[in-house]
Amino acid sequence: MKRAEVETTLARMSVVRQCGLLELGRSTFYYQPVGEDTYNLELMRLIDEEFTKRPFYGVPRMTARLRMMG
């Protein structure tokens, strides 16, 4: 990401101008990513486990399988 390229402390030009020159939206510059919650991590683990066993399952079949598992 280009965030590190924008100087905020001793900048001679505004963040708006710097982001414009980098073709980076200010919302992208200010965005703070949020980590995954435990529920989502558990779902990803289950999907990974099932996909490893059955890589030929598509989305509908994988969804049905996960619902069967509870």
PDB file of N, CA and C in Angstrom:
ATOM      1  N   MET A   1       0.828  -1.177   0.000  1.00  0.00           N
ATOM      2  CA  MET A   1       0.000   0.000   0.000  1.00  0.00           C
ATOM      3  C   MET A   1       0.875   1.244   0.000  1.00  0.00           C
ATOM      4  N   LYS A   2       0.368   2.308  -0.532  1.00  0.00           N
ATOM      5  CA  LYS A   2       1.139   3.530  -0.678  1.00  0.00           C
ATOM      6  C   LYS A   2       1.093   4.416   0.558  1.00  0.00           C
ATOM      7  N   ARG A   3       0.410   3.989   1.612  1.00  0.00           N
ATOM      8  CA  ARG A   3       0.238   4.826   2.808  1.00  0.00           C
ATOM      9  C   ARG A   3       1.571   5.301   3.350  1.00  0.00           C
ATOM     10  N   ALA A   4       2.578   4.471   3.354  1.00  0.00           N
ATOM     11  CA  ALA A   4       3.880   4.820   3.912  1.00  0.00           C
ATOM     12  C   ALA A   4       4.552   5.942   3.116  1.00  0.00           C
ATOM     13  N   GLU A   5       4.127   6.147   1.891  1.00  0.00           N
ATOM     14  CA  GLU A   5       4.736   7.165   1.057  1.00  0.00           C
ATOM     15  C   GLU A   5       4.199   8.565   1.345  1.00  0.00           C
ATOM     16  N   VAL A   6       3.088   8.662   2.077  1.00  0.00           N
ATOM     17  CA  VAL A   6       2.507   9.964   2.396  1.00  0.00           C
ATOM     18  C   VAL A   6       3.128  10.464   3.693  1.00  0.00           C
ATOM     19  N   GLU A   7       3.728  11.637   3.634  1.00  0.00           N
ATOM     20  CA  GLU A   7       4.374  12.253   4.792  1.00  0.00           C
ATOM     21  C   GLU A   7       3.353  13.114   5.522  1.00  0.00           C
ATOM     22  N   THR A   8       3.209  12.891   6.823  1.00  0.00           N
ATOM     23  CA  THR A   8       2.215  13.664   7.568  1.00  0.00           C
ATOM     24  C   THR A   8       2.841  14.613   8.589  1.00  0.00           C
ATOM     25  N   THR A   9       4.021  14.329   9.094  1.00  0.00           N
ATOM     26  CA  THR A   9       4.575  15.124  10.189  1.00  0.00           C
ATOM     27  C   THR A   9       5.294  16.386   9.710  1.00  0.00           C
ATOM     28  N   LEU A  10       6.232  16.263   8.823  1.00  0.00           N
ATOM     29  CA  LEU A  10       7.009  17.415   8.357  1.00  0.00           C
ATOM     30  C   LEU A  10       6.713  17.727   6.897  1.00  0.00           C
ATOM     31  N   ALA A  11       5.499  17.486   6.485  1.00  0.00           N
ATOM     32  CA  ALA A  11       5.136  17.635   5.075  1.00  0.00           C
ATOM     33  C   ALA A  11       5.084  19.098   4.645  1.00  0.00           C
ATOM     34  N   ARG A  12       5.547  19.341   3.440  1.00  0.00           N
ATOM     35  CA  ARG A  12       5.464  20.676   2.862  1.00  0.00           C
ATOM     36  C   ARG A  12       4.192  20.831   2.040  1.00  0.00           C
ATOM     37  N   MET A  13       3.537  19.703   1.780  1.00  0.00           N
ATOM     38  CA  MET A  13       2.270  19.779   1.061  1.00  0.00           C
ATOM     39  C   MET A  13       1.230  18.963   1.813  1.00  0.00           C
ATOM     40  N   SER A  14      -0.002  19.294   1.620  1.00  0.00           N
ATOM     41  CA  SER A  14      -1.087  18.682   2.381  1.00  0.00           C
ATOM     42  C   SER A  14      -1.248  17.195   2.032  1.00  0.00           C
ATOM     43  N   VAL A  15      -1.905  16.493   2.930  1.00  0.00           N
ATOM     44  CA  VAL A  15      -2.215  15.084   2.698  1.00  0.00           C
ATOM     45  C   VAL A  15      -3.085  14.949   1.451  1.00  0.00           C
ATOM     46  N   VAL A  16      -3.998  15.896   1.268  1.00  0.00           N
ATOM     47  CA  VAL A  16      -4.872  15.881   0.088  1.00  0.00           C
ATOM     48  C   VAL A  16      -4.034  15.910  -1.191  1.00  0.00           C
ATOM     49  N   ARG A  17      -3.074  16.819  -1.229  1.00  0.00           N
ATOM     50  CA  ARG A  17      -2.218  16.963  -2.425  1.00  0.00           C
ATOM     51  C   ARG A  17      -1.348  15.726  -2.619  1.00  0.00           C
ATOM     52  N   GLN A  18      -0.754  15.229  -1.544  1.00  0.00           N
ATOM     53  CA  GLN A  18       0.096  14.038  -1.647  1.00  0.00           C
ATOM     54  C   GLN A  18      -0.701  12.835  -2.151  1.00  0.00           C
ATOM     55  N   CYS A  19      -1.897  12.650  -1.592  1.00  0.00           N
ATOM     56  CA  CYS A  19      -2.738  11.535  -2.028  1.00  0.00           C
ATOM     57  C   CYS A  19      -3.118  11.686  -3.496  1.00  0.00           C
ATOM     58  N   GLY A  20      -3.381  12.927  -3.905  1.00  0.00           N
ATOM     59  CA  GLY A  20      -3.707  13.177  -5.311  1.00  0.00           C
ATOM     60  C   GLY A  20      -2.563  12.818  -6.230  1.00  0.00           C
ATOM     61  N   LEU A  21      -1.348  13.182  -5.854  1.00  0.00           N
ATOM     62  CA  LEU A  21      -0.176  12.869  -6.673  1.00  0.00           C
ATOM     63  C   LEU A  21       0.089  11.364  -6.737  1.00  0.00           C
ATOM     64  N   LEU A  22      -0.222  10.673  -5.661  1.00  0.00           N
ATOM     65  CA  LEU A  22      -0.034   9.217  -5.626  1.00  0.00           C
ATOM     66  C   LEU A  22      -1.217   8.459  -6.206  1.00  0.00           C
ATOM     67  N   GLU A  23      -2.264   9.204  -6.618  1.00  0.00           N
ATOM     68  CA  GLU A  23      -3.508   8.604  -7.104  1.00  0.00           C
ATOM     69  C   GLU A  23      -4.073   7.644  -6.056  1.00  0.00           C
ATOM     70  N   LEU A  24      -4.068   8.123  -4.826  1.00  0.00           N
ATOM     71  CA  LEU A  24      -4.532   7.356  -3.678  1.00  0.00           C
ATOM     72  C   LEU A  24      -5.666   8.130  -3.025  1.00  0.00           C
ATOM     73  N   GLY A  25      -6.814   7.488  -2.869  1.00  0.00           N
ATOM     74  CA  GLY A  25      -7.931   8.144  -2.219  1.00  0.00           C
ATOM     75  C   GLY A  25      -7.627   8.405  -0.751  1.00  0.00           C
ATOM     76  N   ARG A  26      -8.100   9.523  -0.237  1.00  0.00           N
ATOM     77  CA  ARG A  26      -7.850   9.815   1.172  1.00  0.00           C
ATOM     78  C   ARG A  26      -8.495   8.791   2.084  1.00  0.00           C
ATOM     79  N   SER A  27      -9.645   8.266   1.673  1.00  0.00           N
ATOM     80  CA  SER A  27     -10.284   7.236   2.503  1.00  0.00           C
ATOM     81  C   SER A  27      -9.387   6.008   2.610  1.00  0.00           C
ATOM     82  N   THR A  28      -8.686   5.694   1.539  1.00  0.00           N
ATOM     83  CA  THR A  28      -7.728   4.583   1.568  1.00  0.00           C
ATOM     84  C   THR A  28      -6.571   4.908   2.500  1.00  0.00           C
ATOM     85  N   PHE A  29      -6.105   6.152   2.469  1.00  0.00           N
ATOM     86  CA  PHE A  29      -5.005   6.570   3.332  1.00  0.00           C
ATOM     87  C   PHE A  29      -5.375   6.459   4.811  1.00  0.00           C
ATOM     88  N   TYR A  30      -6.602   6.860   5.157  1.00  0.00           N
ATOM     89  CA  TYR A  30      -7.015   6.870   6.552  1.00  0.00           C
ATOM     90  C   TYR A  30      -7.600   5.546   7.039  1.00  0.00           C
ATOM     91  N   TYR A  31      -7.837   4.611   6.138  1.00  0.00           N
ATOM     92  CA  TYR A  31      -8.457   3.334   6.503  1.00  0.00           C
ATOM     93  C   TYR A  31      -7.585   2.544   7.476  1.00  0.00           C
ATOM     94  N   GLN A  32      -8.186   2.053   8.538  1.00  0.00           N
ATOM     95  CA  GLN A  32      -7.502   1.192   9.503  1.00  0.00           C
ATOM     96  C   GLN A  32      -8.134  -0.195   9.426  1.00  0.00           C
ATOM     97  N   PRO A  33      -7.403  -1.205   8.944  1.00  0.00           N
ATOM     98  CA  PRO A  33      -7.992  -2.532   8.812  1.00  0.00           C
ATOM     99  C   PRO A  33      -8.390  -3.117  10.172  1.00  0.00           C
ATOM    100  N   VAL A  34      -9.454  -3.887  10.152  1.00  0.00           N
ATOM    101  CA  VAL A  34      -9.964  -4.523  11.361  1.00  0.00           C
ATOM    102  C   VAL A  34      -9.666  -6.012  11.256  1.00  0.00           C
ATOM    103  N   GLY A  35      -9.193  -6.601  12.333  1.00  0.00           N
ATOM    104  CA  GLY A  35      -8.877  -8.024  12.332  1.00  0.00           C
ATOM    105  C   GLY A  35     -10.122  -8.887  12.253  1.00  0.00           C
ATOM    106  N   GLU A  36      -9.919 -10.151  11.973  1.00  0.00           N
ATOM    107  CA  GLU A  36     -11.025 -11.104  11.876  1.00  0.00           C
ATOM    108  C   GLU A  36     -11.518 -11.473  13.261  1.00  0.00           C
ATOM    109  N   ASP A  37     -12.839 -11.677  13.374  1.00  0.00           N
ATOM    110  CA  ASP A  37     -13.382 -12.115  14.659  1.00  0.00           C
ATOM    111  C   ASP A  37     -13.276 -13.639  14.764  1.00  0.00           C
ATOM    112  N   THR A  38     -13.480 -14.165  15.947  1.00  0.00           N
ATOM    113  CA  THR A  38     -13.277 -15.595  16.191  1.00  0.00           C
ATOM    114  C   THR A  38     -14.250 -16.453  15.391  1.00  0.00           C
ATOM    115  N   TYR A  39     -15.492 -15.983  15.211  1.00  0.00           N
ATOM    116  CA  TYR A  39     -16.479 -16.741  14.436  1.00  0.00           C
ATOM    117  C   TYR A  39     -16.010 -16.909  12.993  1.00  0.00           C
ATOM    118  N   ASN A  40     -15.552 -15.821  12.388  1.00  0.00           N
ATOM    119  CA  ASN A  40     -15.088 -15.874  11.005  1.00  0.00           C
ATOM    120  C   ASN A  40     -13.842 -16.755  10.877  1.00  0.00           C
ATOM    121  N   LEU A  41     -12.934 -16.676  11.834  1.00  0.00           N
ATOM    122  CA  LEU A  41     -11.744 -17.524  11.811  1.00  0.00           C
ATOM    123  C   LEU A  41     -12.118 -19.001  11.887  1.00  0.00           C
ATOM    124  N   GLU A  42     -13.111 -19.317  12.712  1.00  0.00           N
ATOM    125  CA  GLU A  42     -13.565 -20.701  12.828  1.00  0.00           C
ATOM    126  C   GLU A  42     -14.189 -21.174  11.512  1.00  0.00           C
ATOM    127  N   LEU A  43     -15.005 -20.332  10.885  1.00  0.00           N
ATOM    128  CA  LEU A  43     -15.584 -20.686   9.590  1.00  0.00           C
ATOM    129  C   LEU A  43     -14.507 -20.918   8.535  1.00  0.00           C
ATOM    130  N   MET A  44     -13.519 -20.053   8.502  1.00  0.00           N
ATOM    131  CA  MET A  44     -12.429 -20.214   7.536  1.00  0.00           C
ATOM    132  C   MET A  44     -11.665 -21.512   7.783  1.00  0.00           C
ATOM    133  N   ARG A  45     -11.466 -21.854   9.048  1.00  0.00           N
ATOM    134  CA  ARG A  45     -10.783 -23.104   9.374  1.00  0.00           C
ATOM    135  C   ARG A  45     -11.594 -24.304   8.897  1.00  0.00           C
ATOM    136  N   LEU A  46     -12.903 -24.279   9.142  1.00  0.00           N
ATOM    137  CA  LEU A  46     -13.768 -25.376   8.702  1.00  0.00           C
ATOM    138  C   LEU A  46     -13.808 -25.497   7.183  1.00  0.00           C
ATOM    139  N   ILE A  47     -13.909 -24.366   6.504  1.00  0.00           N
ATOM    140  CA  ILE A  47     -13.912 -24.383   5.037  1.00  0.00           C
ATOM    141  C   ILE A  47     -12.598 -24.951   4.516  1.00  0.00           C
ATOM    142  N   ASP A  48     -11.493 -24.529   5.097  1.00  0.00           N
ATOM    143  CA  ASP A  48     -10.186 -25.025   4.675  1.00  0.00           C
ATOM    144  C   ASP A  48     -10.078 -26.528   4.893  1.00  0.00           C
ATOM    145  N   GLU A  49     -10.545 -26.987   6.036  1.00  0.00           N
ATOM    146  CA  GLU A  49     -10.506 -28.414   6.358  1.00  0.00           C
ATOM    147  C   GLU A  49     -11.348 -29.220   5.365  1.00  0.00           C
ATOM    148  N   GLU A  50     -12.565 -28.754   5.091  1.00  0.00           N
ATOM    149  CA  GLU A  50     -13.441 -29.456   4.151  1.00  0.00           C
ATOM    150  C   GLU A  50     -12.900 -29.394   2.731  1.00  0.00           C
ATOM    151  N   PHE A  51     -12.366 -28.234   2.338  1.00  0.00           N
ATOM    152  CA  PHE A  51     -11.827 -28.100   0.985  1.00  0.00           C
ATOM    153  C   PHE A  51     -10.626 -29.016   0.772  1.00  0.00           C
ATOM    154  N   THR A  52      -9.830 -29.202   1.821  1.00  0.00           N
ATOM    155  CA  THR A  52      -8.674 -30.099   1.715  1.00  0.00           C
ATOM    156  C   THR A  52      -9.141 -31.530   1.461  1.00  0.00           C
ATOM    157  N   LYS A  53     -10.237 -31.920   2.110  1.00  0.00           N
ATOM    158  CA  LYS A  53     -10.775 -33.271   1.927  1.00  0.00           C
ATOM    159  C   LYS A  53     -11.525 -33.414   0.600  1.00  0.00           C
ATOM    160  N   ARG A  54     -12.244 -32.374   0.212  1.00  0.00           N
ATOM    161  CA  ARG A  54     -13.119 -32.432  -0.954  1.00  0.00           C
ATOM    162  C   ARG A  54     -12.932 -31.187  -1.833  1.00  0.00           C
ATOM    163  N   PRO A  55     -11.830 -31.097  -2.565  1.00  0.00           N
ATOM    164  CA  PRO A  55     -11.569 -29.889  -3.362  1.00  0.00           C
ATOM    165  C   PRO A  55     -12.528 -29.711  -4.541  1.00  0.00           C
ATOM    166  N   PHE A  56     -13.299 -30.719  -4.844  1.00  0.00           N
ATOM    167  CA  PHE A  56     -14.227 -30.656  -5.969  1.00  0.00           C
ATOM    168  C   PHE A  56     -15.569 -30.035  -5.582  1.00  0.00           C
ATOM    169  N   TYR A  57     -15.788 -29.744  -4.293  1.00  0.00           N
ATOM    170  CA  TYR A  57     -17.031 -29.107  -3.846  1.00  0.00           C
ATOM    171  C   TYR A  57     -17.061 -27.659  -4.303  1.00  0.00           C
ATOM    172  N   GLY A  58     -18.181 -27.245  -4.839  1.00  0.00           N
ATOM    173  CA  GLY A  58     -18.388 -25.846  -5.186  1.00  0.00           C
ATOM    174  C   GLY A  58     -19.039 -25.127  -4.012  1.00  0.00           C
ATOM    175  N   VAL A  59     -19.425 -23.886  -4.248  1.00  0.00           N
ATOM    176  CA  VAL A  59     -20.014 -23.075  -3.187  1.00  0.00           C
ATOM    177  C   VAL A  59     -21.312 -23.684  -2.650  1.00  0.00           C
ATOM    178  N   PRO A  60     -22.263 -24.096  -3.518  1.00  0.00           N
ATOM    179  CA  PRO A  60     -23.512 -24.640  -2.977  1.00  0.00           C
ATOM    180  C   PRO A  60     -23.306 -25.896  -2.128  1.00  0.00           C
ATOM    181  N   ARG A  61     -22.467 -26.780  -2.607  1.00  0.00           N
ATOM    182  CA  ARG A  61     -22.228 -28.024  -1.884  1.00  0.00           C
ATOM    183  C   ARG A  61     -21.470 -27.774  -0.587  1.00  0.00           C
ATOM    184  N   MET A  62     -20.492 -26.861  -0.624  1.00  0.00           N
ATOM    185  CA  MET A  62     -19.724 -26.525   0.575  1.00  0.00           C
ATOM    186  C   MET A  62     -20.637 -25.877   1.611  1.00  0.00           C
ATOM    187  N   THR A  63     -21.528 -25.002   1.161  1.00  0.00           N
ATOM    188  CA  THR A  63     -22.476 -24.348   2.060  1.00  0.00           C
ATOM    189  C   THR A  63     -23.367 -25.399   2.730  1.00  0.00           C
ATOM    190  N   ALA A  64     -23.888 -26.331   1.927  1.00  0.00           N
ATOM    191  CA  ALA A  64     -24.741 -27.393   2.478  1.00  0.00           C
ATOM    192  C   ALA A  64     -23.968 -28.239   3.480  1.00  0.00           C
ATOM    193  N   ARG A  65     -22.722 -28.549   3.167  1.00  0.00           N
ATOM    194  CA  ARG A  65     -21.891 -29.358   4.055  1.00  0.00           C
ATOM    195  C   ARG A  65     -21.668 -28.640   5.399  1.00  0.00           C
ATOM    196  N   LEU A  66     -21.348 -27.355   5.348  1.00  0.00           N
ATOM    197  CA  LEU A  66     -21.132 -26.584   6.570  1.00  0.00           C
ATOM    198  C   LEU A  66     -22.410 -26.475   7.389  1.00  0.00           C
ATOM    199  N   ARG A  67     -23.551 -26.334   6.708  1.00  0.00           N
ATOM    200  CA  ARG A  67     -24.822 -26.283   7.439  1.00  0.00           C
ATOM    201  C   ARG A  67     -25.127 -27.611   8.113  1.00  0.00           C
ATOM    202  N   MET A  68     -24.791 -28.720   7.445  1.00  0.00           N
ATOM    203  CA  MET A  68     -24.979 -30.040   8.055  1.00  0.00           C
ATOM    204  C   MET A  68     -24.125 -30.185   9.316  1.00  0.00           C
ATOM    205  N   MET A  69     -22.946 -29.584   9.282  1.00  0.00           N
ATOM    206  CA  MET A  69     -22.025 -29.654  10.417  1.00  0.00           C
ATOM    207  C   MET A  69     -22.481 -28.758  11.572  1.00  0.00           C
ATOM    208  N   GLY A  70     -23.401 -27.863  11.286  1.00  0.00           N
ATOM    209  CA  GLY A  70     -23.920 -26.977  12.338  1.00  0.00           C
ATOM    210  C   GLY A  70     -23.200 -25.679  12.345  1.00  0.00           C
TER     211      GLY A  70
END
